[in-house]
């Protein structure tokens, strides 16, 4: 359940910035996380690397084979996810205040990544 939350948060950044990854298209998750490098400021590249690594592990478990994910890795992911959630809130307040938590969102045009 944590991986979809990370993907949803990355999607918030993408959509707030006027872009949209094609759902269901090949590379949808990869492209969504990759966009953080360009859209999320100085933290973007490290977030992209971290979540791409998590995505690859998730793909291996979901589609190819069983791999052992330690309790330590799970706890680290939850900690990273919590920090990412807070960073997304700050990103919205700084760059898209109308979309920040507690605000009523209005329509915004969206391109496709």
C-alpha atoms as a PDB file:
ATOM      1  CA  UNK A   1       0.000   0.000   0.000  1.00  0.00           C
ATOM      2  CA  UNK A   2       2.937   2.347   0.503  1.00  0.00           C
ATOM      3  CA  UNK A   3       4.150   2.142  -3.099  1.00  0.00           C
ATOM      4  CA  UNK A   4       0.838   3.380  -4.550  1.00  0.00           C
ATOM      5  CA  UNK A   5       0.943   6.260  -2.041  1.00  0.00           C
ATOM      6  CA  UNK A   6       4.400   7.264  -3.328  1.00  0.00           C
ATOM      7  CA  UNK A   7       3.143   7.053  -6.904  1.00  0.00           C
ATOM      8  CA  UNK A   8       0.092   9.155  -6.002  1.00  0.00           C
ATOM      9  CA  UNK A   9       2.268  11.830  -4.389  1.00  0.00           C
ATOM     10  CA  UNK A  10       4.544  11.946  -7.438  1.00  0.00           C
ATOM     11  CA  UNK A  11       1.415  12.230  -9.587  1.00  0.00           C
ATOM     12  CA  UNK A  12       0.275  15.220  -7.505  1.00  0.00           C
ATOM     13  CA  UNK A  13       3.562  16.983  -8.308  1.00  0.00           C
ATOM     14  CA  UNK A  14       3.217  16.122 -11.989  1.00  0.00           C
ATOM     15  CA  UNK A  15      -0.417  17.216 -12.280  1.00  0.00           C
ATOM     16  CA  UNK A  16       0.059  20.394 -10.231  1.00  0.00           C
ATOM     17  CA  UNK A  17       2.846  21.314 -12.641  1.00  0.00           C
ATOM     18  CA  UNK A  18       0.512  20.941 -15.618  1.00  0.00           C
ATOM     19  CA  UNK A  19       1.518  17.468 -16.828  1.00  0.00           C
ATOM     20  CA  UNK A  20      -0.052  14.052 -16.912  1.00  0.00           C
ATOM     21  CA  UNK A  21       1.484  10.624 -17.440  1.00  0.00           C
ATOM     22  CA  UNK A  22      -0.671   8.352 -19.579  1.00  0.00           C
ATOM     23  CA  UNK A  23      -2.255   5.864 -17.169  1.00  0.00           C
ATOM     24  CA  UNK A  24      -1.796   2.293 -18.238  1.00  0.00           C
ATOM     25  CA  UNK A  25       0.792   3.200 -20.867  1.00  0.00           C
ATOM     26  CA  UNK A  26       4.144   1.413 -20.749  1.00  0.00           C
ATOM     27  CA  UNK A  27       6.485   3.318 -18.464  1.00  0.00           C
ATOM     28  CA  UNK A  28       3.705   5.180 -16.639  1.00  0.00           C
ATOM     29  CA  UNK A  29       5.225   4.661 -13.176  1.00  0.00           C
ATOM     30  CA  UNK A  30       8.788   5.189 -14.406  1.00  0.00           C
ATOM     31  CA  UNK A  31       7.883   8.435 -16.184  1.00  0.00           C
ATOM     32  CA  UNK A  32       5.959   9.747 -13.193  1.00  0.00           C
ATOM     33  CA  UNK A  33       8.914   9.268 -10.849  1.00  0.00           C
ATOM     34  CA  UNK A  34      11.389  10.522 -13.480  1.00  0.00           C
ATOM     35  CA  UNK A  35       9.486  13.800 -13.739  1.00  0.00           C
ATOM     36  CA  UNK A  36      10.411  14.583 -10.132  1.00  0.00           C
ATOM     37  CA  UNK A  37      13.975  15.290 -11.292  1.00  0.00           C
ATOM     38  CA  UNK A  38      12.772  18.232 -13.339  1.00  0.00           C
ATOM     39  CA  UNK A  39       9.783  19.434 -11.332  1.00  0.00           C
ATOM     40  CA  UNK A  40      10.684  19.038  -7.671  1.00  0.00           C
ATOM     41  CA  UNK A  41      13.697  21.295  -7.367  1.00  0.00           C
ATOM     42  CA  UNK A  42      17.004  20.334  -5.777  1.00  0.00           C
ATOM     43  CA  UNK A  43      15.534  17.263  -4.034  1.00  0.00           C
ATOM     44  CA  UNK A  44      14.098  15.944  -7.310  1.00  0.00           C
ATOM     45  CA  UNK A  45      17.045  13.895  -8.597  1.00  0.00           C
ATOM     46  CA  UNK A  46      17.596  12.048  -5.309  1.00  0.00           C
ATOM     47  CA  UNK A  47      13.866  11.368  -4.955  1.00  0.00           C
ATOM     48  CA  UNK A  48      13.790  10.061  -8.517  1.00  0.00           C
ATOM     49  CA  UNK A  49      16.704   7.701  -7.854  1.00  0.00           C
ATOM     50  CA  UNK A  50      15.180   6.422  -4.605  1.00  0.00           C
ATOM     51  CA  UNK A  51      11.665   5.856  -5.926  1.00  0.00           C
ATOM     52  CA  UNK A  52      12.934   4.349  -9.205  1.00  0.00           C
ATOM     53  CA  UNK A  53      14.855   1.821  -7.114  1.00  0.00           C
ATOM     54  CA  UNK A  54      11.670   1.048  -5.167  1.00  0.00           C
ATOM     55  CA  UNK A  55       9.719   0.781  -8.421  1.00  0.00           C
ATOM     56  CA  UNK A  56      12.188  -1.763  -9.793  1.00  0.00           C
ATOM     57  CA  UNK A  57      11.901  -3.890  -6.644  1.00  0.00           C
ATOM     58  CA  UNK A  58       8.122  -3.642  -6.797  1.00  0.00           C
ATOM     59  CA  UNK A  59       8.178  -4.745 -10.440  1.00  0.00           C
ATOM     60  CA  UNK A  60      10.395  -7.714  -9.626  1.00  0.00           C
ATOM     61  CA  UNK A  61       8.088  -8.844  -6.837  1.00  0.00           C
ATOM     62  CA  UNK A  62       4.927  -8.204  -8.872  1.00  0.00           C
ATOM     63  CA  UNK A  63       5.951  -9.589 -12.239  1.00  0.00           C
ATOM     64  CA  UNK A  64       9.106 -11.704 -12.122  1.00  0.00           C
ATOM     65  CA  UNK A  65      10.203 -13.380  -8.933  1.00  0.00           C
ATOM     66  CA  UNK A  66      10.173 -13.241  -5.197  1.00  0.00           C
ATOM     67  CA  UNK A  67      12.863 -11.126  -3.580  1.00  0.00           C
ATOM     68  CA  UNK A  68      13.352 -10.595   0.103  1.00  0.00           C
ATOM     69  CA  UNK A  69      12.551  -7.083   1.266  1.00  0.00           C
ATOM     70  CA  UNK A  70      13.803  -6.659   4.788  1.00  0.00           C
ATOM     71  CA  UNK A  71      11.928  -5.079   7.645  1.00  0.00           C
ATOM     72  CA  UNK A  72      14.628  -2.384   7.655  1.00  0.00           C
ATOM     73  CA  UNK A  73      13.942  -1.592   3.965  1.00  0.00           C
ATOM     74  CA  UNK A  74      10.206  -1.439   4.660  1.00  0.00           C
ATOM     75  CA  UNK A  75      10.700   0.917   7.596  1.00  0.00           C
ATOM     76  CA  UNK A  76      13.051   3.081   5.496  1.00  0.00           C
ATOM     77  CA  UNK A  77      10.463   3.286   2.715  1.00  0.00           C
ATOM     78  CA  UNK A  78       7.739   4.362   5.145  1.00  0.00           C
ATOM     79  CA  UNK A  79      10.043   7.019   6.589  1.00  0.00           C
ATOM     80  CA  UNK A  80      10.935   8.277   3.085  1.00  0.00           C
ATOM     81  CA  UNK A  81       7.260   8.265   2.137  1.00  0.00           C
ATOM     82  CA  UNK A  82       6.345  10.365   5.170  1.00  0.00           C
ATOM     83  CA  UNK A  83       9.095  12.865   4.342  1.00  0.00           C
ATOM     84  CA  UNK A  84       7.979  12.923   0.704  1.00  0.00           C
ATOM     85  CA  UNK A  85       4.387  13.622   1.761  1.00  0.00           C
ATOM     86  CA  UNK A  86       5.537  16.624   3.794  1.00  0.00           C
ATOM     87  CA  UNK A  87       7.786  17.806   0.949  1.00  0.00           C
ATOM     88  CA  UNK A  88       4.869  17.609  -1.505  1.00  0.00           C
ATOM     89  CA  UNK A  89       2.761  19.753   0.830  1.00  0.00           C
ATOM     90  CA  UNK A  90       5.574  22.320   0.955  1.00  0.00           C
ATOM     91  CA  UNK A  91       6.002  22.117  -2.837  1.00  0.00           C
ATOM     92  CA  UNK A  92       2.310  22.884  -3.295  1.00  0.00           C
ATOM     93  CA  UNK A  93       2.331  25.758  -0.804  1.00  0.00           C
ATOM     94  CA  UNK A  94       5.401  27.286  -2.471  1.00  0.00           C
ATOM     95  CA  UNK A  95       4.594  26.665  -6.147  1.00  0.00           C
ATOM     96  CA  UNK A  96       0.847  26.046  -6.392  1.00  0.00           C
ATOM     97  CA  UNK A  97      -0.815  27.519  -3.280  1.00  0.00           C
ATOM     98  CA  UNK A  98      -4.320  27.150  -4.721  1.00  0.00           C
ATOM     99  CA  UNK A  99      -3.763  23.381  -4.800  1.00  0.00           C
ATOM    100  CA  UNK A 100      -2.236  23.106  -1.327  1.00  0.00           C
ATOM    101  CA  UNK A 101      -3.993  21.004   1.326  1.00  0.00           C
ATOM    102  CA  UNK A 102      -6.961  22.850   2.737  1.00  0.00           C
ATOM    103  CA  UNK A 103      -7.532  24.786  -0.492  1.00  0.00           C
ATOM    104  CA  UNK A 104     -10.277  24.134  -2.999  1.00  0.00           C
ATOM    105  CA  UNK A 105      -8.623  23.078  -6.271  1.00  0.00           C
ATOM    106  CA  UNK A 106      -9.734  24.638  -9.500  1.00  0.00           C
ATOM    107  CA  UNK A 107      -9.338  23.234 -12.993  1.00  0.00           C
ATOM    108  CA  UNK A 108      -5.899  23.361 -14.543  1.00  0.00           C
ATOM    109  CA  UNK A 109      -4.744  22.490 -18.038  1.00  0.00           C
ATOM    110  CA  UNK A 110      -2.640  19.343 -18.277  1.00  0.00           C
ATOM    111  CA  UNK A 111      -0.071  18.320 -20.851  1.00  0.00           C
ATOM    112  CA  UNK A 112       1.104  14.734 -21.242  1.00  0.00           C
ATOM    113  CA  UNK A 113       4.491  13.368 -20.219  1.00  0.00           C
END
